[in-house]
Amino acid sequence: MGDTRDELRERAEADGIEFFLAMFVDLHGKPCAKAVPSSSFDLLMDGGAGFAGFAAGDLGQSPADPDVLAVPDPASYTKLPWKPGVAVLHCDPHVDGRPWPYAPRVILRRQLDQLAERGWVFNTGTELEYSLLRRRADGGLEPADPHDTADKPCYEVKGLTRMWDHLSTVSRHLNALGWGNYANDHEDGNGQFENNWHYADALTTADRAVFFRYMIHMLAHDAGMVATFMPKPLSHLTGNGMHIHQSLWTQDGQALFADDTDALGMSRTGYHYLGGLIEHGRASAGIICPTVNSYKRIGVGAPTSGSTWAPAYVAYGGNNRSVMLRVPEGGRVEHRGVDGSANPYLAATVLLAAGLDGIDREIDPGACTDDNLFTLGADEVRARGIQHLPKTLDRAIEELVTDDVLRAALGKTSGGDFVDYFAAVKQQEFDDYHASVSDWEVRRYLTQA
């Protein structure tokens, strides 16, 4: 680490960095940080930044536990393009000198270390959809652009151009970071947008997803808007996904999923990986769709603005956006079920574990689905043996805890298996939601009987 540390110091000095944000996320993906002045660089690198873990969020700590020390990863150095003199260092939380097993980045790193023993590399790319909103005088939310009212605004150039200042700023920032921004577009919902950048190894991509969400929130705030990656922020508009593209490679650069002779361009290994994602599709929902609101995004309906592009069924196909697993081209698979509230470290962990189980057990993914599953009848879907994704968070959690493969991948903690801790937190979240009486219930039931 010595040379890397020296290189980091030189780079930060050349960039004029005055403060480092020592950053990590809790179970929910909430970024936490301390601002460490550059004069304390050696102190930060030698011991990490100290946090009261219980106060930071759901990290498996109580007020009686010792501090979490956020140990920086020098390779994660990322300047804040909109705030000169500040850089983020993504950190691996440690407690008592050991990686903290409740920390999502630690969990993914452990899984990737095990993958490296096979001589393989896991590459991912993310598509993060988000909504730009504003608050009305009555406190409600609506698209920030008052003219963004088209029935089908996806790719509309007028809606794109009216948000030019925001989108072009994001594009310039992504390219300044070296991420390779290649597209920016108006998505399917009013006020919904997406900025795309190139794929990388899974840890780097997860770090970038965390940074990107943070950056979008801050840019929107500075412009007087509210940005959200919430899966379904407005009931009548399309929800926000975090589609994850996945591929496996050898360490010398050989693509393990690619086969030019196959109809989808997928190798036998790639098909087995798909089989694993399908086998564990329902159980993984609790991680990749981790909020009550997540299950208001997932459903069946015609893919028009105001409805959904989100999958409802555990199935795969070629360039078919109605399935959960899309193979847009040979050599990679896109998981369309992951939503904007997912913790990117935990999502990558369970998807990799599911896929590897498919490879190890040579699981057959079944027939490719070419039909539009948004319109296919439920009886026909059942006849094909295609499963529906869980419809609520509590059902998803019930399936997650029974999956031994995902349980093993998420690892053990001092208090037992991480998955049980995660499930307890999420069950409480569902119970809190379920105890709240909604306006819909009052309108429906107040004088019904």
Protein backbone atom coordinates (compact mmCIF):
# COMPACT_ATOMS: atom_id res chain seq x y z
CA MET A 1 0.00 0.00 0.00
CA GLY A 2 3.00 2.31 0.47
CA ASP A 3 3.47 3.23 -3.18
CA THR A 4 -0.28 3.63 -3.68
CA ARG A 5 -0.44 5.89 -0.65
CA ASP A 6 2.43 8.04 -1.92
CA GLU A 7 0.82 8.26 -5.33
CA LEU A 8 -2.45 9.34 -3.71
CA ARG A 9 -0.69 12.06 -1.73
CA GLU A 10 1.01 13.38 -4.88
CA ARG A 11 -2.20 13.29 -6.88
CA ALA A 12 -4.20 15.07 -4.19
CA GLU A 13 -1.55 17.76 -3.84
CA ALA A 14 -1.49 18.28 -7.60
CA ASP A 15 -5.30 18.58 -7.59
CA GLY A 16 -5.25 21.13 -4.78
CA ILE A 17 -7.29 18.96 -2.42
CA GLU A 18 -7.92 20.63 0.94
CA PHE A 19 -10.40 18.10 2.35
CA PHE A 20 -11.06 14.39 1.97
CA LEU A 21 -14.54 13.00 2.52
CA ALA A 22 -13.92 9.63 4.18
CA MET A 23 -17.10 7.92 2.99
CA PHE A 24 -18.91 4.64 3.59
CA VAL A 25 -22.53 3.52 3.41
CA ASP A 26 -24.87 1.84 5.87
CA LEU A 27 -27.14 -1.12 5.15
CA HIS A 28 -29.56 1.10 3.21
CA GLY A 29 -26.86 2.64 1.02
CA LYS A 30 -26.96 5.99 2.83
CA PRO A 31 -23.54 7.67 2.40
CA CYS A 32 -21.84 8.83 5.59
CA ALA A 33 -18.61 10.81 5.76
CA LYS A 34 -16.25 12.95 7.78
CA ALA A 35 -14.41 15.88 6.21
CA VAL A 36 -10.73 15.35 6.94
CA PRO A 37 -8.33 18.22 6.15
CA SER A 38 -5.37 17.39 3.96
CA SER A 39 -3.07 18.32 6.85
CA SER A 40 -4.35 15.15 8.55
CA PHE A 41 -3.68 12.92 5.53
CA ASP A 42 -1.24 10.67 7.42
CA LEU A 43 -3.62 10.34 10.37
CA LEU A 44 -6.43 9.32 8.02
CA MET A 45 -4.33 6.81 6.13
CA ASP A 46 -2.71 5.33 9.22
CA GLY A 47 -5.84 4.69 11.25
CA GLY A 48 -8.93 5.75 9.33
CA ALA A 49 -11.67 8.17 10.34
CA GLY A 50 -13.56 7.31 13.51
CA PHE A 51 -17.36 7.07 13.68
CA ALA A 52 -19.91 6.06 16.27
CA GLY A 53 -21.36 3.26 14.19
CA PHE A 54 -24.70 3.18 16.00
CA ALA A 55 -25.28 6.85 15.14
CA ALA A 56 -24.25 6.46 11.49
CA GLY A 57 -27.08 4.08 10.61
CA ASP A 58 -27.87 0.38 10.45
CA LEU A 59 -24.39 -1.09 10.78
CA GLY A 60 -24.96 -3.75 13.40
CA GLN A 61 -23.83 -1.60 16.31
CA SER A 62 -25.26 -0.41 19.61
CA PRO A 63 -24.12 2.61 21.66
CA ALA A 64 -21.97 0.19 23.70
CA ASP A 65 -19.86 -0.90 20.73
CA PRO A 66 -16.39 0.46 19.89
CA ASP A 67 -15.96 3.02 17.14
CA VAL A 68 -16.06 2.15 13.48
CA LEU A 69 -12.88 3.24 11.73
CA ALA A 70 -13.42 4.04 8.05
CA VAL A 71 -10.19 2.91 6.36
CA PRO A 72 -9.70 4.63 2.98
CA ASP A 73 -9.19 2.75 -0.27
CA PRO A 74 -6.62 4.88 -2.15
CA ALA A 75 -7.78 3.49 -5.49
CA SER A 76 -11.24 5.02 -4.94
CA TYR A 77 -10.03 8.64 -4.93
CA THR A 78 -12.68 10.80 -6.63
CA LYS A 79 -12.65 14.59 -6.88
CA LEU A 80 -15.91 16.49 -6.44
CA PRO A 81 -16.18 18.25 -9.82
CA TRP A 82 -18.69 20.76 -8.47
CA LYS A 83 -16.71 21.60 -5.30
CA PRO A 84 -13.02 22.32 -5.93
CA GLY A 85 -10.58 21.25 -3.27
CA VAL A 86 -12.66 18.28 -2.04
CA ALA A 87 -12.27 14.58 -2.86
CA VAL A 88 -14.04 11.41 -1.78
CA LEU A 89 -12.21 8.35 -0.52
CA HIS A 90 -14.48 5.32 -0.27
CA CYS A 91 -13.70 3.39 2.88
CA ASP A 92 -13.89 -0.11 4.30
CA PRO A 93 -15.21 0.13 7.88
CA HIS A 94 -13.12 -1.68 10.48
CA VAL A 95 -13.74 -2.40 14.16
CA ASP A 96 -10.94 -3.44 16.51
CA GLY A 97 -8.56 -3.70 13.58
CA ARG A 98 -10.70 -6.08 11.47
CA PRO A 99 -13.03 -5.46 8.53
CA TRP A 100 -16.54 -4.96 9.90
CA PRO A 101 -18.76 -7.76 8.50
CA TYR A 102 -21.92 -5.62 8.61
CA ALA A 103 -20.41 -3.10 6.17
CA PRO A 104 -21.76 -3.53 2.59
CA ARG A 105 -18.46 -2.64 0.90
CA VAL A 106 -16.65 -5.19 3.05
CA ILE A 107 -19.23 -7.83 2.08
CA LEU A 108 -18.76 -7.22 -1.66
CA ARG A 109 -14.97 -7.07 -1.37
CA ARG A 110 -14.94 -10.46 0.37
CA GLN A 111 -17.07 -11.97 -2.39
CA LEU A 112 -14.77 -10.54 -5.07
CA ASP A 113 -11.68 -11.86 -3.28
CA GLN A 114 -13.21 -15.32 -3.41
CA LEU A 115 -13.94 -14.88 -7.11
CA ALA A 116 -10.31 -13.90 -7.70
CA GLU A 117 -9.27 -17.33 -6.38
CA ARG A 118 -10.98 -18.76 -9.49
CA GLY A 119 -8.94 -16.38 -11.64
CA TRP A 120 -12.05 -14.43 -12.61
CA VAL A 121 -13.13 -10.77 -12.61
CA PHE A 122 -16.72 -9.51 -12.22
CA ASN A 123 -17.48 -6.45 -14.34
CA THR A 124 -20.66 -4.44 -13.97
CA GLY A 125 -22.27 -1.36 -15.41
CA THR A 126 -25.22 0.52 -13.93
CA GLU A 127 -28.08 2.51 -15.41
CA LEU A 128 -29.38 4.78 -12.66
CA GLU A 129 -32.72 6.41 -13.38
CA TYR A 130 -33.77 9.38 -11.26
CA SER A 131 -36.53 11.98 -11.06
CA LEU A 132 -36.05 15.73 -10.80
CA LEU A 133 -38.90 17.19 -8.78
CA ARG A 134 -39.95 20.39 -7.05
CA ARG A 135 -42.20 21.01 -4.06
CA ARG A 136 -45.52 22.73 -4.62
CA ALA A 137 -46.85 25.36 -2.25
CA ASP A 138 -49.01 22.68 -0.62
CA GLY A 139 -45.92 20.54 0.06
CA GLY A 140 -46.64 18.00 -2.66
CA LEU A 141 -44.18 16.97 -5.34
CA GLU A 142 -44.30 17.36 -9.12
CA PRO A 143 -41.76 17.29 -11.98
CA ALA A 144 -39.36 20.21 -11.70
CA ASP A 145 -40.01 21.16 -15.31
CA PRO A 146 -43.63 22.46 -15.40
CA HIS A 147 -43.76 21.91 -19.17
CA ASP A 148 -42.82 18.23 -18.88
CA THR A 149 -46.37 16.92 -19.27
CA ALA A 150 -46.25 14.78 -22.44
CA ASP A 151 -48.00 11.42 -22.36
CA LYS A 152 -44.88 9.78 -23.82
CA PRO A 153 -41.90 11.96 -22.90
CA CYS A 154 -39.22 9.27 -23.32
CA TYR A 155 -36.35 10.63 -25.46
CA GLU A 156 -38.32 13.82 -26.14
CA VAL A 157 -35.81 16.41 -27.27
CA LYS A 158 -37.75 19.37 -25.87
CA GLY A 159 -37.87 17.85 -22.39
CA LEU A 160 -34.19 16.99 -22.72
CA THR A 161 -33.23 20.50 -23.79
CA ARG A 162 -35.22 22.25 -21.08
CA MET A 163 -33.04 20.40 -18.54
CA TRP A 164 -29.88 21.11 -20.54
CA ASP A 165 -28.05 22.96 -17.77
CA HIS A 166 -28.41 20.00 -15.42
CA LEU A 167 -27.74 17.22 -17.93
CA SER A 168 -24.78 18.90 -19.63
CA THR A 169 -23.23 19.66 -16.24
CA VAL A 170 -23.56 16.03 -15.20
CA SER A 171 -22.04 14.90 -18.50
CA ARG A 172 -19.05 17.21 -18.11
CA HIS A 173 -18.54 16.03 -14.53
CA LEU A 174 -18.65 12.35 -15.50
CA ASN A 175 -16.08 12.89 -18.24
CA ALA A 176 -13.87 14.98 -15.96
CA LEU A 177 -13.89 12.03 -13.57
CA GLY A 178 -12.79 9.74 -16.39
CA TRP A 179 -15.90 7.57 -16.26
CA GLY A 180 -16.70 7.91 -19.97
CA ASN A 181 -20.18 9.42 -20.24
CA TYR A 182 -21.67 8.18 -23.51
CA ALA A 183 -25.37 9.13 -23.30
CA ASN A 184 -27.80 11.36 -21.41
CA ASP A 185 -31.53 11.09 -21.93
CA HIS A 186 -35.04 11.88 -20.83
CA GLU A 187 -36.50 8.63 -19.58
CA ASP A 188 -40.04 7.25 -19.73
CA GLY A 189 -41.55 9.28 -16.89
CA ASN A 190 -42.18 13.01 -16.71
CA GLY A 191 -39.20 14.51 -14.92
CA GLN A 192 -37.16 11.30 -15.22
CA PHE A 193 -33.59 11.22 -16.55
CA GLU A 194 -30.56 8.99 -16.94
CA ASN A 195 -26.82 9.54 -17.49
CA ASN A 196 -24.76 6.58 -18.70
CA TRP A 197 -21.07 5.81 -18.24
CA HIS A 198 -18.78 2.88 -19.04
CA TYR A 199 -18.62 -0.32 -17.04
CA ALA A 200 -15.78 -1.29 -14.68
CA ASP A 201 -14.98 -3.92 -12.08
CA ALA A 202 -17.87 -4.43 -9.67
CA LEU A 203 -16.31 -2.66 -6.68
CA THR A 204 -15.44 0.42 -8.73
CA THR A 205 -18.91 0.48 -10.26
CA ALA A 206 -20.57 0.25 -6.84
CA ASP A 207 -18.38 3.09 -5.54
CA ARG A 208 -19.35 5.15 -8.57
CA ALA A 209 -23.05 4.44 -8.10
CA VAL A 210 -22.84 5.74 -4.53
CA PHE A 211 -20.92 8.82 -5.67
CA PHE A 212 -23.29 9.43 -8.61
CA ARG A 213 -26.38 9.40 -6.40
CA TYR A 214 -24.66 11.79 -3.98
CA MET A 215 -23.62 14.10 -6.84
CA ILE A 216 -27.09 14.19 -8.42
CA HIS A 217 -28.70 15.00 -5.07
CA MET A 218 -26.30 17.88 -4.47
CA LEU A 219 -26.52 19.34 -7.99
CA ALA A 220 -30.32 19.24 -7.83
CA HIS A 221 -30.32 20.86 -4.39
CA ASP A 222 -28.07 23.67 -5.58
CA ALA A 223 -30.45 24.26 -8.50
CA GLY A 224 -33.52 24.42 -6.26
CA MET A 225 -34.80 20.96 -7.21
CA VAL A 226 -35.31 17.67 -5.42
CA ALA A 227 -33.61 14.62 -6.96
CA THR A 228 -34.80 11.15 -6.05
CA PHE A 229 -33.82 7.60 -6.94
CA MET A 230 -36.88 6.32 -5.07
CA PRO A 231 -38.36 3.36 -6.95
CA LYS A 232 -41.83 4.91 -7.28
CA PRO A 233 -41.89 8.55 -6.09
CA LEU A 234 -45.17 9.39 -7.86
CA SER A 235 -47.85 6.75 -8.25
CA HIS A 236 -48.87 7.82 -11.77
CA LEU A 237 -45.36 7.96 -13.24
CA THR A 238 -42.71 5.42 -14.20
CA GLY A 239 -40.46 4.26 -11.36
CA ASN A 240 -36.67 4.48 -11.06
CA GLY A 241 -34.52 1.43 -11.68
CA MET A 242 -30.82 0.70 -11.28
CA HIS A 243 -30.32 -1.82 -14.05
CA ILE A 244 -27.07 -3.76 -13.55
CA HIS A 245 -25.20 -5.18 -16.55
CA GLN A 246 -22.97 -8.12 -15.61
CA SER A 247 -20.18 -10.09 -17.22
CA LEU A 248 -17.42 -12.43 -16.05
CA TRP A 249 -13.87 -12.33 -17.40
CA THR A 250 -10.63 -14.15 -16.80
CA GLN A 251 -7.89 -12.08 -15.24
CA ASP A 252 -6.09 -12.02 -18.59
CA GLY A 253 -9.13 -10.48 -20.33
CA GLN A 254 -11.06 -13.42 -21.79
CA ALA A 255 -14.84 -12.88 -21.84
CA LEU A 256 -16.51 -15.90 -20.23
CA PHE A 257 -20.06 -15.16 -21.37
CA ALA A 258 -19.39 -14.54 -25.08
CA ASP A 259 -20.00 -17.06 -27.90
CA ASP A 260 -20.45 -15.77 -31.44
CA THR A 261 -21.99 -19.05 -32.57
CA ASP A 262 -24.98 -18.77 -30.19
CA ALA A 263 -28.26 -17.08 -31.13
CA LEU A 264 -27.98 -14.68 -28.17
CA GLY A 265 -24.19 -14.55 -28.30
CA MET A 266 -23.97 -16.30 -24.93
CA SER A 267 -21.64 -19.12 -23.92
CA ARG A 268 -22.59 -22.21 -21.96
CA THR A 269 -21.10 -20.50 -18.89
CA GLY A 270 -23.25 -17.47 -19.56
CA TYR A 271 -26.41 -19.55 -19.78
CA HIS A 272 -25.60 -21.28 -16.50
CA TYR A 273 -25.08 -17.84 -14.94
CA LEU A 274 -28.55 -16.88 -16.19
CA GLY A 275 -29.85 -20.10 -14.66
CA GLY A 276 -28.48 -19.10 -11.28
CA LEU A 277 -30.05 -15.64 -11.48
CA ILE A 278 -33.40 -17.28 -12.24
CA GLU A 279 -33.00 -19.94 -9.55
CA HIS A 280 -32.41 -17.25 -6.93
CA GLY A 281 -34.56 -14.57 -8.58
CA ARG A 282 -37.31 -14.41 -6.00
CA ALA A 283 -34.96 -14.66 -3.02
CA SER A 284 -32.65 -11.92 -4.30
CA ALA A 285 -35.58 -9.48 -4.55
CA GLY A 286 -35.26 -8.61 -0.87
CA ILE A 287 -31.77 -7.19 -1.55
CA ILE A 288 -32.22 -5.64 -5.00
CA CYS A 289 -35.71 -4.27 -4.22
CA PRO A 290 -35.15 -3.45 -0.55
CA THR A 291 -37.93 -1.01 0.38
CA VAL A 292 -41.68 -1.03 0.80
CA ASN A 293 -41.86 1.37 -2.12
CA SER A 294 -39.88 -1.03 -4.34
CA TYR A 295 -42.92 -3.24 -4.79
CA LYS A 296 -44.97 -0.36 -6.16
CA ARG A 297 -42.53 -0.19 -9.07
CA ILE A 298 -42.66 -3.89 -9.93
CA GLY A 299 -45.79 -4.96 -11.77
CA VAL A 300 -47.44 -5.87 -15.04
CA GLY A 301 -48.68 -3.21 -17.40
CA ALA A 302 -48.19 -1.71 -20.82
CA PRO A 303 -44.79 0.06 -20.95
CA THR A 304 -46.03 3.61 -21.48
CA SER A 305 -45.21 6.66 -19.40
CA GLY A 306 -47.26 6.54 -16.25
CA SER A 307 -47.03 2.75 -16.06
CA THR A 308 -43.87 0.67 -15.75
CA TRP A 309 -40.86 -0.81 -17.51
CA ALA A 310 -40.11 -2.87 -14.41
CA PRO A 311 -40.26 -6.66 -14.66
CA ALA A 312 -42.81 -8.74 -12.82
CA TYR A 313 -41.66 -12.24 -13.77
CA VAL A 314 -38.43 -14.17 -13.25
CA ALA A 315 -37.53 -14.82 -16.88
CA TYR A 316 -34.82 -14.09 -19.43
CA GLY A 317 -34.78 -13.11 -23.08
CA GLY A 318 -32.75 -11.44 -25.77
CA ASN A 319 -33.29 -7.77 -26.51
CA ASN A 320 -36.61 -7.94 -24.66
CA ARG A 321 -37.34 -5.24 -22.07
CA SER A 322 -40.34 -7.03 -20.59
CA VAL A 323 -38.19 -9.71 -18.90
CA MET A 324 -36.16 -9.51 -15.70
CA LEU A 325 -32.93 -10.65 -17.40
CA ARG A 326 -32.20 -9.12 -20.79
CA VAL A 327 -29.31 -10.16 -23.04
CA PRO A 328 -28.85 -7.00 -25.11
CA GLU A 329 -25.83 -8.42 -26.90
CA GLY A 330 -23.47 -11.36 -26.58
CA GLY A 331 -21.30 -11.55 -23.50
CA ARG A 332 -23.38 -9.73 -20.90
CA VAL A 333 -26.70 -9.83 -19.10
CA GLU A 334 -28.75 -6.91 -17.81
CA HIS A 335 -30.77 -7.35 -14.62
CA ARG A 336 -33.75 -5.00 -14.94
CA GLY A 337 -35.24 -5.82 -11.55
CA VAL A 338 -32.75 -3.84 -9.43
CA ASP A 339 -34.24 -0.51 -8.36
CA GLY A 340 -32.90 2.89 -7.41
CA SER A 341 -33.09 2.25 -3.65
CA ALA A 342 -30.80 -0.79 -3.77
CA ASN A 343 -27.47 -0.79 -1.97
CA PRO A 344 -25.10 -1.25 -4.93
CA TYR A 345 -22.57 -3.30 -2.92
CA LEU A 346 -25.16 -5.75 -1.62
CA ALA A 347 -26.91 -5.96 -4.99
CA ALA A 348 -23.68 -6.91 -6.75
CA THR A 349 -22.91 -9.46 -4.04
CA VAL A 350 -26.15 -11.40 -4.34
CA LEU A 351 -26.31 -11.27 -8.14
CA LEU A 352 -22.76 -12.62 -8.40
CA ALA A 353 -23.47 -15.33 -5.83
CA ALA A 354 -26.62 -16.40 -7.65
CA GLY A 355 -24.86 -16.51 -11.01
CA LEU A 356 -21.89 -18.46 -9.68
CA ASP A 357 -24.23 -21.01 -8.15
CA GLY A 358 -25.74 -21.43 -11.59
CA ILE A 359 -22.29 -22.01 -13.08
CA ASP A 360 -21.18 -24.42 -10.36
CA ARG A 361 -24.38 -26.47 -10.57
CA GLU A 362 -24.77 -26.03 -14.34
CA ILE A 363 -28.33 -24.77 -13.92
CA ASP A 364 -30.40 -24.69 -17.10
CA PRO A 365 -32.19 -21.31 -17.41
CA GLY A 366 -34.94 -22.84 -19.54
CA ALA A 367 -36.38 -21.42 -22.71
CA CYS A 368 -35.67 -17.88 -23.83
CA THR A 369 -38.76 -15.62 -23.59
CA ASP A 370 -39.47 -13.64 -26.74
CA ASP A 371 -43.04 -12.65 -25.85
CA ASN A 372 -44.13 -9.39 -24.26
CA LEU A 373 -44.65 -10.45 -20.65
CA PHE A 374 -46.45 -7.21 -19.90
CA THR A 375 -49.40 -8.45 -21.97
CA LEU A 376 -49.10 -12.25 -21.78
CA GLY A 377 -51.96 -13.80 -19.79
CA ALA A 378 -51.26 -15.00 -16.25
CA ASP A 379 -52.45 -18.51 -17.09
CA GLU A 380 -49.99 -18.75 -19.98
CA VAL A 381 -47.15 -17.47 -17.79
CA ARG A 382 -47.91 -20.11 -15.15
CA ALA A 383 -48.14 -22.81 -17.81
CA ARG A 384 -44.58 -22.00 -18.84
CA GLY A 385 -43.37 -22.38 -15.27
CA ILE A 386 -42.36 -18.70 -15.00
CA GLN A 387 -42.44 -17.37 -11.44
CA HIS A 388 -43.74 -13.97 -10.35
CA LEU A 389 -41.49 -11.74 -8.28
CA PRO A 390 -42.64 -11.20 -4.68
CA LYS A 391 -45.34 -8.55 -4.42
CA THR A 392 -44.39 -7.02 -1.06
CA LEU A 393 -41.23 -6.47 0.94
CA ASP A 394 -42.22 -8.85 3.73
CA ARG A 395 -42.78 -11.69 1.25
CA ALA A 396 -39.42 -11.00 -0.36
CA ILE A 397 -37.65 -11.08 3.00
CA GLU A 398 -39.31 -14.38 3.86
CA GLU A 399 -37.80 -15.89 0.71
CA LEU A 400 -34.40 -14.25 1.17
CA VAL A 401 -33.74 -15.84 4.57
CA THR A 402 -34.43 -19.35 3.21
CA ASP A 403 -31.82 -19.09 0.44
CA ASP A 404 -28.62 -20.77 1.66
CA VAL A 405 -26.52 -19.54 -1.28
CA LEU A 406 -27.33 -15.88 -0.69
CA ARG A 407 -27.00 -16.40 3.07
CA ALA A 408 -23.46 -17.70 2.63
CA ALA A 409 -22.51 -14.91 0.21
CA LEU A 410 -23.62 -12.16 2.59
CA GLY A 411 -21.53 -13.74 5.32
CA LYS A 412 -21.42 -14.09 9.06
CA THR A 413 -21.19 -11.40 11.72
CA SER A 414 -20.54 -11.39 15.44
CA GLY A 415 -24.29 -11.61 15.97
CA GLY A 416 -25.02 -14.38 13.47
CA ASP A 417 -25.61 -14.34 9.73
CA PHE A 418 -25.79 -10.92 8.09
CA VAL A 419 -28.93 -11.91 6.21
CA ASP A 420 -30.85 -12.32 9.47
CA TYR A 421 -29.77 -8.86 10.62
CA PHE A 422 -30.78 -7.41 7.25
CA ALA A 423 -34.12 -9.22 7.40
CA ALA A 424 -34.86 -7.95 10.91
CA VAL A 425 -34.20 -4.35 9.88
CA LYS A 426 -36.36 -4.70 6.78
CA GLN A 427 -39.18 -6.51 8.57
CA GLN A 428 -39.34 -3.63 11.05
CA GLU A 429 -39.43 -1.24 8.10
CA PHE A 430 -42.38 -3.14 6.64
CA ASP A 431 -44.16 -3.27 10.01
CA ASP A 432 -43.76 0.51 10.44
CA TYR A 433 -45.26 1.03 6.99
CA HIS A 434 -48.07 -1.43 7.60
CA ALA A 435 -49.00 0.34 10.84
CA SER A 436 -49.50 3.65 9.03
CA VAL A 437 -53.00 4.38 7.73
CA SER A 438 -52.90 5.85 4.20
CA ASP A 439 -55.20 8.36 2.55
CA TRP A 440 -56.24 5.60 0.14
CA GLU A 441 -57.50 3.47 3.03
CA VAL A 442 -59.48 6.33 4.51
CA ARG A 443 -61.09 7.13 1.16
CA ARG A 444 -61.85 3.45 0.52
CA TYR A 445 -63.08 2.28 3.90
CA LEU A 446 -64.17 5.26 6.02
CA THR A 447 -67.87 4.90 5.26
CA GLN A 448 -67.89 1.63 3.36
CA ALA A 449 -69.79 -0.32 5.98
